[in-house]
Amino acid sequence: KVISPEVEVSISEETHSLIKELVGTKASLKEAVEALTFIATEMMPKKKQRRLSHLLWKNQDGTITAEEEKELDALIDEGQEGTIRKAKAILALKHLGIDIIPDLEARVRGK
């Protein structure tokens, strides 16, 4: 286990590795938590979301061009990487005793 110097918090090696992978070495645990929270809540920009939806519809209709298909694949890859990054941030926060899932669910429901 790793001990955070600014607070007497014991952090597992797994959590420490996740934090380092996602946010690097922050000056404080508070900064790391803020960065992880930002990652866990970030969304694909609306313009890219709209483009992704448009390309998915074209793909379903069979009217997508080869160039658009490459763009679609890239957007899907980007979305999947973002989802994995968010999941890792949520896991790291959970290991730190911070459960942001109820807040995320409330956002989705529009509360």
C-alpha atoms as a PDB file:
ATOM      1  CA  LYS A   1       0.000   0.000   0.000  1.00  0.00           C
ATOM      2  CA  VAL A   2       1.020   3.577  -0.650  1.00  0.00           C
ATOM      3  CA  ILE A   3       0.452   6.231   2.013  1.00  0.00           C
ATOM      4  CA  SER A   4      -0.615   9.631   0.757  1.00  0.00           C
ATOM      5  CA  PRO A   5       1.582  12.251   2.482  1.00  0.00           C
ATOM      6  CA  GLU A   6      -1.026  15.036   2.805  1.00  0.00           C
ATOM      7  CA  VAL A   7      -3.619  12.848   4.521  1.00  0.00           C
ATOM      8  CA  GLU A   8      -3.288   9.582   6.348  1.00  0.00           C
ATOM      9  CA  VAL A   9      -4.977   7.586   3.600  1.00  0.00           C
ATOM     10  CA  SER A  10      -3.780   4.178   2.573  1.00  0.00           C
ATOM     11  CA  ILE A  11      -3.951   3.700  -1.196  1.00  0.00           C
ATOM     12  CA  SER A  12      -3.546   0.272  -2.780  1.00  0.00           C
ATOM     13  CA  GLU A  13      -0.935  -0.200  -5.484  1.00  0.00           C
ATOM     14  CA  GLU A  14      -3.759  -0.854  -7.972  1.00  0.00           C
ATOM     15  CA  THR A  15      -5.398   2.478  -7.152  1.00  0.00           C
ATOM     16  CA  HIS A  16      -2.068   4.266  -7.208  1.00  0.00           C
ATOM     17  CA  SER A  17      -1.358   2.786 -10.665  1.00  0.00           C
ATOM     18  CA  LEU A  18      -4.780   3.831 -11.974  1.00  0.00           C
ATOM     19  CA  ILE A  19      -4.308   7.371 -10.698  1.00  0.00           C
ATOM     20  CA  LYS A  20      -0.829   7.592 -12.191  1.00  0.00           C
ATOM     21  CA  GLU A  21      -2.079   6.229 -15.546  1.00  0.00           C
ATOM     22  CA  LEU A  22      -5.025   8.620 -15.726  1.00  0.00           C
ATOM     23  CA  VAL A  23      -3.778  11.846 -14.186  1.00  0.00           C
ATOM     24  CA  GLY A  24      -0.048  11.444 -13.687  1.00  0.00           C
ATOM     25  CA  THR A  25       1.550  12.532 -10.468  1.00  0.00           C
ATOM     26  CA  LYS A  26      -0.500  15.273  -8.875  1.00  0.00           C
ATOM     27  CA  ALA A  27       0.795  17.444  -6.057  1.00  0.00           C
ATOM     28  CA  SER A  28      -1.969  16.317  -3.742  1.00  0.00           C
ATOM     29  CA  LEU A  29      -4.618  13.676  -3.308  1.00  0.00           C
ATOM     30  CA  LYS A  30      -7.234  16.427  -3.598  1.00  0.00           C
ATOM     31  CA  GLU A  31      -5.934  17.389  -7.057  1.00  0.00           C
ATOM     32  CA  ALA A  32      -5.926  13.737  -8.112  1.00  0.00           C
ATOM     33  CA  VAL A  33      -9.542  13.315  -6.941  1.00  0.00           C
ATOM     34  CA  GLU A  34     -10.572  16.457  -8.836  1.00  0.00           C
ATOM     35  CA  ALA A  35      -8.860  15.207 -12.003  1.00  0.00           C
ATOM     36  CA  LEU A  36     -10.412  11.737 -11.660  1.00  0.00           C
ATOM     37  CA  THR A  37     -13.851  13.288 -11.138  1.00  0.00           C
ATOM     38  CA  PHE A  38     -13.387  15.397 -14.260  1.00  0.00           C
ATOM     39  CA  ILE A  39     -12.424  12.313 -16.290  1.00  0.00           C
ATOM     40  CA  ALA A  40     -15.326  10.290 -14.875  1.00  0.00           C
ATOM     41  CA  THR A  41     -17.839  12.959 -15.895  1.00  0.00           C
ATOM     42  CA  GLU A  42     -16.458  14.130 -19.245  1.00  0.00           C
ATOM     43  CA  MET A  43     -18.574  13.580 -22.328  1.00  0.00           C
ATOM     44  CA  MET A  44     -17.852  13.457 -26.035  1.00  0.00           C
ATOM     45  CA  PRO A  45     -18.480  16.934 -27.470  1.00  0.00           C
ATOM     46  CA  LYS A  46     -22.025  17.383 -28.804  1.00  0.00           C
ATOM     47  CA  LYS A  47     -20.774  18.042 -32.351  1.00  0.00           C
ATOM     48  CA  LYS A  48     -18.931  14.693 -32.388  1.00  0.00           C
ATOM     49  CA  GLN A  49     -21.943  12.937 -30.843  1.00  0.00           C
ATOM     50  CA  ARG A  50     -24.170  14.304 -33.606  1.00  0.00           C
ATOM     51  CA  ARG A  51     -21.665  13.281 -36.273  1.00  0.00           C
ATOM     52  CA  LEU A  52     -21.402   9.789 -34.785  1.00  0.00           C
ATOM     53  CA  SER A  53     -25.201   9.426 -34.773  1.00  0.00           C
ATOM     54  CA  HIS A  54     -25.417  10.651 -38.367  1.00  0.00           C
ATOM     55  CA  LEU A  55     -22.762   8.185 -39.532  1.00  0.00           C
ATOM     56  CA  LEU A  56     -24.389   5.331 -37.622  1.00  0.00           C
ATOM     57  CA  TRP A  57     -27.692   6.065 -39.391  1.00  0.00           C
ATOM     58  CA  LYS A  58     -25.950   6.185 -42.770  1.00  0.00           C
ATOM     59  CA  ASN A  59     -24.221   2.906 -41.988  1.00  0.00           C
ATOM     60  CA  GLN A  60     -27.525   1.300 -41.017  1.00  0.00           C
ATOM     61  CA  ASP A  61     -29.155   2.580 -44.213  1.00  0.00           C
ATOM     62  CA  GLY A  62     -26.263   1.279 -46.310  1.00  0.00           C
ATOM     63  CA  THR A  63     -25.486   4.732 -47.717  1.00  0.00           C
ATOM     64  CA  ILE A  64     -22.168   5.304 -45.944  1.00  0.00           C
ATOM     65  CA  THR A  65     -19.087   5.996 -48.080  1.00  0.00           C
ATOM     66  CA  ALA A  66     -15.690   4.372 -47.480  1.00  0.00           C
ATOM     67  CA  GLU A  67     -14.361   7.695 -46.166  1.00  0.00           C
ATOM     68  CA  GLU A  68     -17.302   8.066 -43.785  1.00  0.00           C
ATOM     69  CA  GLU A  69     -16.844   4.479 -42.625  1.00  0.00           C
ATOM     70  CA  LYS A  70     -13.247   5.274 -41.639  1.00  0.00           C
ATOM     71  CA  GLU A  71     -14.485   8.341 -39.774  1.00  0.00           C
ATOM     72  CA  LEU A  72     -17.167   6.261 -38.060  1.00  0.00           C
ATOM     73  CA  ASP A  73     -14.599   3.663 -36.979  1.00  0.00           C
ATOM     74  CA  ALA A  74     -12.373   6.420 -35.560  1.00  0.00           C
ATOM     75  CA  LEU A  75     -15.276   7.981 -33.638  1.00  0.00           C
ATOM     76  CA  ILE A  76     -16.307   4.594 -32.263  1.00  0.00           C
ATOM     77  CA  ASP A  77     -12.715   3.906 -31.178  1.00  0.00           C
ATOM     78  CA  GLU A  78     -12.544   7.324 -29.520  1.00  0.00           C
ATOM     79  CA  GLY A  79     -15.818   6.677 -27.698  1.00  0.00           C
ATOM     80  CA  GLN A  80     -14.676   3.262 -26.499  1.00  0.00           C
ATOM     81  CA  GLU A  81     -11.361   4.656 -25.256  1.00  0.00           C
ATOM     82  CA  GLY A  82     -13.251   7.387 -23.426  1.00  0.00           C
ATOM     83  CA  THR A  83     -15.582   4.847 -21.835  1.00  0.00           C
ATOM     84  CA  ILE A  84     -12.657   2.746 -20.615  1.00  0.00           C
ATOM     85  CA  ARG A  85     -10.924   5.868 -19.270  1.00  0.00           C
ATOM     86  CA  LYS A  86     -14.106   6.906 -17.433  1.00  0.00           C
ATOM     87  CA  ALA A  87     -14.561   3.419 -15.973  1.00  0.00           C
ATOM     88  CA  LYS A  88     -10.988   3.436 -14.677  1.00  0.00           C
ATOM     89  CA  ALA A  89     -11.517   6.869 -13.103  1.00  0.00           C
ATOM     90  CA  ILE A  90     -14.750   5.698 -11.436  1.00  0.00           C
ATOM     91  CA  LEU A  91     -12.938   2.602 -10.154  1.00  0.00           C
ATOM     92  CA  ALA A  92     -10.051   4.655  -8.774  1.00  0.00           C
ATOM     93  CA  LEU A  93     -12.495   6.994  -7.018  1.00  0.00           C
ATOM     94  CA  LYS A  94     -14.395   3.993  -5.645  1.00  0.00           C
ATOM     95  CA  HIS A  95     -11.121   2.607  -4.246  1.00  0.00           C
ATOM     96  CA  LEU A  96     -10.635   5.979  -2.548  1.00  0.00           C
ATOM     97  CA  GLY A  97     -14.065   5.661  -0.956  1.00  0.00           C
ATOM     98  CA  ILE A  98     -15.783   8.081  -3.338  1.00  0.00           C
ATOM     99  CA  ASP A  99     -18.859   6.735  -5.124  1.00  0.00           C
ATOM    100  CA  ILE A 100     -19.903   9.166  -7.846  1.00  0.00           C
ATOM    101  CA  ILE A 101     -22.227   6.736  -9.625  1.00  0.00           C
ATOM    102  CA  PRO A 102     -25.389   8.079  -7.896  1.00  0.00           C
ATOM    103  CA  ASP A 103     -24.459  11.595  -9.088  1.00  0.00           C
ATOM    104  CA  LEU A 104     -23.856  10.317 -12.621  1.00  0.00           C
ATOM    105  CA  GLU A 105     -27.189   8.487 -12.627  1.00  0.00           C
ATOM    106  CA  ALA A 106     -28.944  11.626 -11.437  1.00  0.00           C
ATOM    107  CA  ARG A 107     -27.374  13.587 -14.313  1.00  0.00           C
ATOM    108  CA  VAL A 108     -28.599  11.027 -16.834  1.00  0.00           C
ATOM    109  CA  ARG A 109     -32.109  11.258 -15.394  1.00  0.00           C
ATOM    110  CA  GLY A 110     -31.881  15.044 -15.538  1.00  0.00           C
ATOM    111  CA  LYS A 111     -32.264  15.608 -11.813  1.00  0.00           C
END
